[in-house]
N, C-alpha and C. Protein backbone atom coordinates (compact mmCIF):
# COMPACT_ATOMS: atom_id res chain seq x y z
N MET A 1 108.32 104.75 123.28
CA MET A 1 107.98 103.86 122.35
C MET A 1 106.31 104.01 122.24
N ASN A 2 105.78 104.27 120.91
CA ASN A 2 104.33 104.17 120.96
C ASN A 2 103.79 103.35 119.90
N PHE A 3 102.63 102.83 120.00
CA PHE A 3 102.00 101.93 118.91
C PHE A 3 100.98 103.01 118.07
N ILE A 4 101.15 102.76 116.78
CA ILE A 4 100.16 103.40 115.75
C ILE A 4 99.43 102.08 115.34
N PRO A 5 98.08 102.30 115.80
CA PRO A 5 97.17 101.21 115.42
C PRO A 5 96.55 101.05 113.92
N HIS A 6 96.70 99.90 113.40
CA HIS A 6 96.24 99.62 112.07
C HIS A 6 95.13 98.44 112.19
N GLN A 7 93.95 98.78 111.28
CA GLN A 7 92.98 97.60 111.35
C GLN A 7 93.32 96.67 110.21
N LEU A 8 93.82 95.59 110.37
CA LEU A 8 94.11 94.60 109.19
C LEU A 8 92.85 94.11 108.68
N ALA A 9 91.91 93.70 109.47
CA ALA A 9 90.85 93.04 109.04
C ALA A 9 89.73 93.17 110.34
N PRO A 10 88.42 93.08 110.00
CA PRO A 10 87.44 93.18 111.13
C PRO A 10 87.95 92.40 112.32
N GLY A 11 88.23 92.88 113.49
CA GLY A 11 88.69 92.31 114.51
C GLY A 11 90.06 91.85 114.64
N THR A 12 90.95 92.42 113.76
CA THR A 12 92.38 92.14 113.64
C THR A 12 93.09 93.45 113.77
N LEU A 13 93.68 93.89 114.98
CA LEU A 13 94.44 95.08 115.10
C LEU A 13 95.88 94.89 115.05
N VAL A 14 96.71 95.62 114.40
CA VAL A 14 98.24 95.60 114.22
C VAL A 14 98.91 96.89 115.01
N ALA A 15 99.74 96.81 115.57
CA ALA A 15 100.42 97.86 116.35
C ALA A 15 101.65 98.08 115.64
N GLU A 16 101.76 99.16 114.90
CA GLU A 16 102.94 99.43 114.12
C GLU A 16 103.83 100.30 115.35
N ILE A 17 104.89 99.84 115.45
CA ILE A 17 105.95 100.51 116.54
C ILE A 17 106.45 101.82 116.04
N GLU A 18 106.18 102.78 116.82
CA GLU A 18 106.87 104.17 116.50
C GLU A 18 107.70 104.53 117.56
N ALA A 19 109.18 104.50 116.96
CA ALA A 19 110.00 104.75 117.79
C ALA A 19 111.27 104.94 117.05
N GLU A 20 112.40 105.79 117.61
CA GLU A 20 113.63 105.76 117.00
C GLU A 20 114.59 104.79 117.69
N GLY A 21 115.48 104.02 116.84
CA GLY A 21 116.51 103.15 117.25
C GLY A 21 115.92 101.78 117.52
N ILE A 22 116.80 101.19 118.32
CA ILE A 22 116.33 99.63 118.57
C ILE A 22 115.38 99.47 119.86
N VAL A 23 114.18 98.89 119.36
CA VAL A 23 113.46 98.63 120.52
C VAL A 23 113.20 97.22 120.82
N MET A 24 113.85 96.36 120.20
CA MET A 24 114.07 94.87 120.44
C MET A 24 115.41 94.52 120.32
N GLY A 25 116.25 94.94 121.43
CA GLY A 25 117.55 94.50 121.39
C GLY A 25 117.88 93.25 121.94
N SER A 26 116.97 92.62 122.81
CA SER A 26 117.10 91.55 123.58
C SER A 26 115.90 90.78 123.68
N LEU A 27 116.01 89.67 124.12
CA LEU A 27 114.69 88.76 124.25
C LEU A 27 113.78 89.46 125.48
N GLU A 28 114.37 90.05 126.48
CA GLU A 28 113.44 90.61 127.31
C GLU A 28 112.80 91.98 126.94
N GLU A 29 113.34 92.73 125.89
CA GLU A 29 112.75 93.76 125.32
C GLU A 29 111.88 93.39 124.33
N ALA A 30 112.00 92.41 123.67
CA ALA A 30 110.85 91.81 122.76
C ALA A 30 109.52 91.30 123.63
N LEU A 31 109.86 90.68 124.73
CA LEU A 31 108.69 90.25 125.62
C LEU A 31 108.15 91.45 126.20
N GLN A 32 108.74 92.63 126.55
CA GLN A 32 107.96 93.73 126.85
C GLN A 32 107.13 94.48 125.80
N VAL A 33 107.61 94.23 124.46
CA VAL A 33 106.70 94.89 123.42
C VAL A 33 105.76 93.92 123.27
N LEU A 34 105.91 92.84 123.47
CA LEU A 34 104.82 91.78 123.11
C LEU A 34 103.70 91.85 124.29
N GLY A 35 104.26 91.99 125.55
CA GLY A 35 103.25 92.16 126.61
C GLY A 35 102.30 93.50 126.32
N ASP A 36 103.14 94.62 126.18
CA ASP A 36 102.48 95.94 125.91
C ASP A 36 101.35 95.83 125.04
N ALA A 37 101.86 95.23 123.48
CA ALA A 37 100.68 95.05 122.52
C ALA A 37 99.53 94.11 123.07
N TYR A 38 99.96 93.04 123.66
CA TYR A 38 98.76 92.17 123.99
C TYR A 38 97.87 92.88 124.95
N TYR A 39 98.32 93.72 126.00
CA TYR A 39 97.54 94.31 126.97
C TYR A 39 96.82 95.52 126.47
N ASN A 40 97.31 96.09 125.09
CA ASN A 40 96.57 97.11 124.60
C ASN A 40 95.60 96.58 123.62
N GLY A 41 95.37 95.27 123.46
CA GLY A 41 94.47 94.72 122.50
C GLY A 41 94.74 94.49 121.18
N PHE A 42 95.95 94.58 120.80
CA PHE A 42 96.55 94.33 119.57
C PHE A 42 96.82 92.62 119.24
N ASP A 43 96.69 92.36 117.92
CA ASP A 43 96.89 91.01 117.60
C ASP A 43 98.21 90.68 116.98
N ARG A 44 98.69 91.88 116.35
CA ARG A 44 100.00 91.73 115.69
C ARG A 44 100.92 92.94 115.87
N VAL A 45 102.19 92.81 115.86
CA VAL A 45 103.15 93.90 116.00
C VAL A 45 104.09 94.10 114.76
N MET A 46 104.05 95.15 114.34
CA MET A 46 104.89 95.47 113.10
C MET A 46 106.05 96.34 113.43
N VAL A 47 107.39 95.73 113.41
CA VAL A 47 108.56 96.32 113.51
C VAL A 47 109.33 96.41 112.32
N ARG A 48 110.32 97.51 112.24
CA ARG A 48 110.97 97.76 111.25
C ARG A 48 112.59 97.17 111.51
N VAL A 49 113.25 96.70 110.42
CA VAL A 49 114.55 96.06 110.53
C VAL A 49 115.35 96.95 111.36
N GLU A 50 115.30 98.31 111.35
CA GLU A 50 116.35 99.13 112.02
C GLU A 50 115.92 99.24 113.57
N GLN A 51 114.70 98.83 113.97
CA GLN A 51 114.49 98.68 115.19
C GLN A 51 114.85 97.41 116.05
N LEU A 52 115.28 96.43 115.23
CA LEU A 52 115.82 95.16 115.72
C LEU A 52 117.35 95.18 115.98
N ASN A 53 117.87 94.64 116.86
CA ASN A 53 119.32 94.42 117.25
C ASN A 53 119.84 93.77 115.93
N PRO A 54 120.93 94.05 115.46
CA PRO A 54 121.49 93.60 114.05
C PRO A 54 121.84 92.17 114.47
N ASP A 55 122.28 91.64 115.76
CA ASP A 55 122.29 90.37 115.98
C ASP A 55 121.22 89.31 115.74
N PHE A 56 119.93 90.10 115.60
CA PHE A 56 118.74 89.35 115.01
C PHE A 56 118.95 88.51 113.86
N PHE A 57 119.53 89.30 112.94
CA PHE A 57 119.65 88.82 111.43
C PHE A 57 121.07 87.94 111.46
N ASP A 58 121.54 87.72 112.51
CA ASP A 58 122.78 86.67 112.56
C ASP A 58 122.25 85.50 113.29
N LEU A 59 121.87 84.42 112.52
CA LEU A 59 121.08 83.32 113.30
C LEU A 59 122.04 82.56 114.24
N SER A 60 123.34 82.69 113.99
CA SER A 60 124.17 81.93 114.83
C SER A 60 124.03 82.48 116.39
N THR A 61 123.56 83.66 116.47
CA THR A 61 123.31 84.27 117.92
C THR A 61 122.16 83.63 118.62
N GLY A 62 121.15 83.07 117.93
CA GLY A 62 119.94 82.57 118.39
C GLY A 62 118.77 83.46 118.84
N LEU A 63 119.31 84.76 118.76
CA LEU A 63 118.20 85.91 119.15
C LEU A 63 116.98 86.01 118.32
N ALA A 64 117.09 85.65 117.01
CA ALA A 64 115.77 85.61 116.29
C ALA A 64 115.03 84.40 116.45
N GLY A 65 115.66 83.22 116.72
CA GLY A 65 114.94 81.98 117.05
C GLY A 65 114.13 82.25 118.37
N GLU A 66 114.79 82.95 119.34
CA GLU A 66 114.11 83.30 120.77
C GLU A 66 113.00 84.06 120.64
N ILE A 67 113.11 85.10 119.88
CA ILE A 67 112.23 86.19 119.67
C ILE A 67 110.87 85.59 119.09
N LEU A 68 111.26 85.01 117.91
CA LEU A 68 110.13 84.71 117.07
C LEU A 68 109.33 83.32 117.78
N GLN A 69 109.93 82.51 118.59
CA GLN A 69 109.46 81.28 119.35
C GLN A 69 108.46 82.13 120.37
N LYS A 70 108.78 83.18 121.03
CA LYS A 70 107.83 83.79 122.03
C LYS A 70 106.66 84.42 121.25
N PHE A 71 106.91 85.05 120.27
CA PHE A 71 105.65 85.59 119.69
C PHE A 71 104.73 84.47 119.11
N ALA A 72 105.20 83.26 118.38
CA ALA A 72 104.46 82.32 117.94
C ALA A 72 103.82 81.66 119.40
N GLN A 73 104.68 81.40 120.45
CA GLN A 73 104.10 80.88 121.52
C GLN A 73 102.80 81.39 122.01
N TYR A 74 102.77 82.79 122.18
CA TYR A 74 101.80 83.71 122.83
C TYR A 74 100.92 84.01 121.60
N ARG A 75 100.92 83.38 120.37
CA ARG A 75 100.10 83.73 119.38
C ARG A 75 99.88 85.15 119.24
N MET A 76 100.97 85.84 119.17
CA MET A 76 100.95 87.23 118.79
C MET A 76 101.78 87.42 117.45
N GLY A 77 101.05 87.67 116.47
CA GLY A 77 101.75 87.92 115.20
C GLY A 77 102.93 89.11 115.10
N LEU A 78 103.92 88.75 114.45
CA LEU A 78 105.20 89.70 114.23
C LEU A 78 105.36 89.79 112.80
N ILE A 79 105.25 91.22 112.23
CA ILE A 79 105.55 91.52 110.95
C ILE A 79 106.86 92.22 110.80
N ILE A 80 107.78 91.88 110.29
CA ILE A 80 109.27 92.55 110.23
C ILE A 80 109.26 93.12 108.74
N VAL A 81 109.26 94.44 108.77
CA VAL A 81 109.69 95.39 107.49
C VAL A 81 110.69 95.84 107.27
N GLY A 82 111.29 95.79 105.97
CA GLY A 82 112.39 96.29 105.58
C GLY A 82 113.00 95.56 104.47
N ASP A 83 114.38 96.06 104.25
CA ASP A 83 115.19 95.52 102.95
C ASP A 83 116.12 94.36 103.78
N PHE A 84 115.80 93.19 103.32
CA PHE A 84 116.69 92.07 103.96
C PHE A 84 117.81 91.75 103.15
N SER A 85 117.86 92.14 101.95
CA SER A 85 119.20 92.02 100.85
C SER A 85 120.37 92.60 101.71
N GLN A 86 120.31 93.42 102.71
CA GLN A 86 121.41 93.96 103.26
C GLN A 86 122.00 92.83 104.30
N PHE A 87 121.34 91.93 104.23
CA PHE A 87 122.05 90.58 105.36
C PHE A 87 122.07 89.40 103.92
N PRO A 88 123.19 89.20 103.56
CA PRO A 88 123.51 88.36 102.36
C PRO A 88 123.73 87.11 102.97
N SER A 89 122.82 86.42 103.74
CA SER A 89 123.12 85.20 104.47
C SER A 89 122.17 84.24 103.71
N ALA A 90 122.59 83.15 103.05
CA ALA A 90 121.77 82.24 102.50
C ALA A 90 120.92 81.32 103.54
N SER A 91 121.28 81.39 104.91
CA SER A 91 120.74 80.73 105.92
C SER A 91 119.51 81.60 106.48
N LEU A 92 119.76 82.87 106.35
CA LEU A 92 118.76 83.88 106.83
C LEU A 92 117.65 84.01 105.70
N ALA A 93 118.05 84.13 104.40
CA ALA A 93 116.94 83.89 103.52
C ALA A 93 116.30 82.70 103.55
N GLY A 94 116.66 81.40 103.78
CA GLY A 94 115.89 80.35 103.89
C GLY A 94 115.05 80.39 105.10
N PHE A 95 115.55 81.11 106.20
CA PHE A 95 114.66 81.26 107.46
C PHE A 95 113.48 82.16 107.09
N ILE A 96 113.82 83.18 106.32
CA ILE A 96 112.87 84.21 106.11
C ILE A 96 111.65 83.53 105.47
N ARG A 97 111.99 82.68 104.28
CA ARG A 97 111.10 81.96 103.44
C ARG A 97 110.24 80.97 104.16
N GLU A 98 110.94 80.32 105.01
CA GLU A 98 110.16 79.38 105.89
C GLU A 98 109.08 80.03 107.04
N SER A 99 109.77 81.17 107.60
CA SER A 99 108.83 81.92 108.44
C SER A 99 107.53 82.44 107.69
N ASN A 100 107.97 82.95 106.58
CA ASN A 100 106.72 83.46 105.77
C ASN A 100 105.64 82.31 105.38
N LYS A 101 106.00 81.16 105.47
CA LYS A 101 104.97 80.04 105.31
C LYS A 101 103.96 79.81 106.48
N GLY A 102 104.49 80.11 107.58
CA GLY A 102 103.72 80.00 108.90
C GLY A 102 102.52 81.09 109.08
N GLN A 103 102.17 80.96 110.20
CA GLN A 103 100.96 81.89 110.37
C GLN A 103 101.35 83.06 111.20
N HIS A 104 102.18 83.28 112.11
CA HIS A 104 102.52 84.24 112.89
C HIS A 104 103.61 85.16 112.78
N ILE A 105 104.49 84.84 111.73
CA ILE A 105 105.76 85.53 111.56
C ILE A 105 105.77 85.91 110.05
N ARG A 106 105.98 87.23 109.68
CA ARG A 106 106.00 87.52 108.19
C ARG A 106 107.23 88.48 108.14
N PHE A 107 107.98 88.38 107.25
CA PHE A 107 108.93 89.10 106.69
C PHE A 107 108.47 89.89 105.46
N VAL A 108 108.40 91.24 105.33
CA VAL A 108 107.73 91.88 104.22
C VAL A 108 108.88 93.15 103.84
N ALA A 109 108.72 93.56 102.77
CA ALA A 109 109.19 94.74 102.12
C ALA A 109 108.91 96.04 102.56
N SER A 110 107.49 96.24 102.87
CA SER A 110 107.01 97.59 102.88
C SER A 110 105.88 97.54 103.90
N LEU A 111 105.50 98.72 104.37
CA LEU A 111 104.36 98.63 105.29
C LEU A 111 103.12 98.32 104.84
N GLU A 112 102.93 98.67 103.53
CA GLU A 112 101.69 98.39 102.74
C GLU A 112 101.50 96.74 102.47
N GLU A 113 102.67 96.22 102.23
CA GLU A 113 102.80 94.79 101.90
C GLU A 113 102.45 94.01 103.44
N GLY A 114 103.01 94.60 104.55
CA GLY A 114 102.81 94.11 105.89
C GLY A 114 101.14 94.15 106.27
N LEU A 115 100.36 95.02 105.81
CA LEU A 115 99.06 95.35 106.28
C LEU A 115 98.13 94.76 105.19
N LYS A 116 98.75 93.96 104.12
CA LYS A 116 97.64 93.21 103.33
C LYS A 116 97.12 91.84 104.09
């Protein structure tokens, strides 16, 4: 796994994850990504839908809550990029809407949108 750096604003660096397959399959893997990004001077991490464990999008597993809580707790922004319509859950749609109202977590459709 590598990070592609993006300058979001002066003093704000985003780490786009460059990797094939799932990089955040568990809370432990998410914490590893968070730590690696932090120690490399990044302020936010950008991950694609396909790089997350599909259980992340099943809110009953609790995985999304655990991961997002850690990113918020450590004040590391997380931008999740992809097509969320593939997960037809009303509770997930509500979760995404509420998360997008906060400061640390964003669900966006494209890389360009995530870098705004």
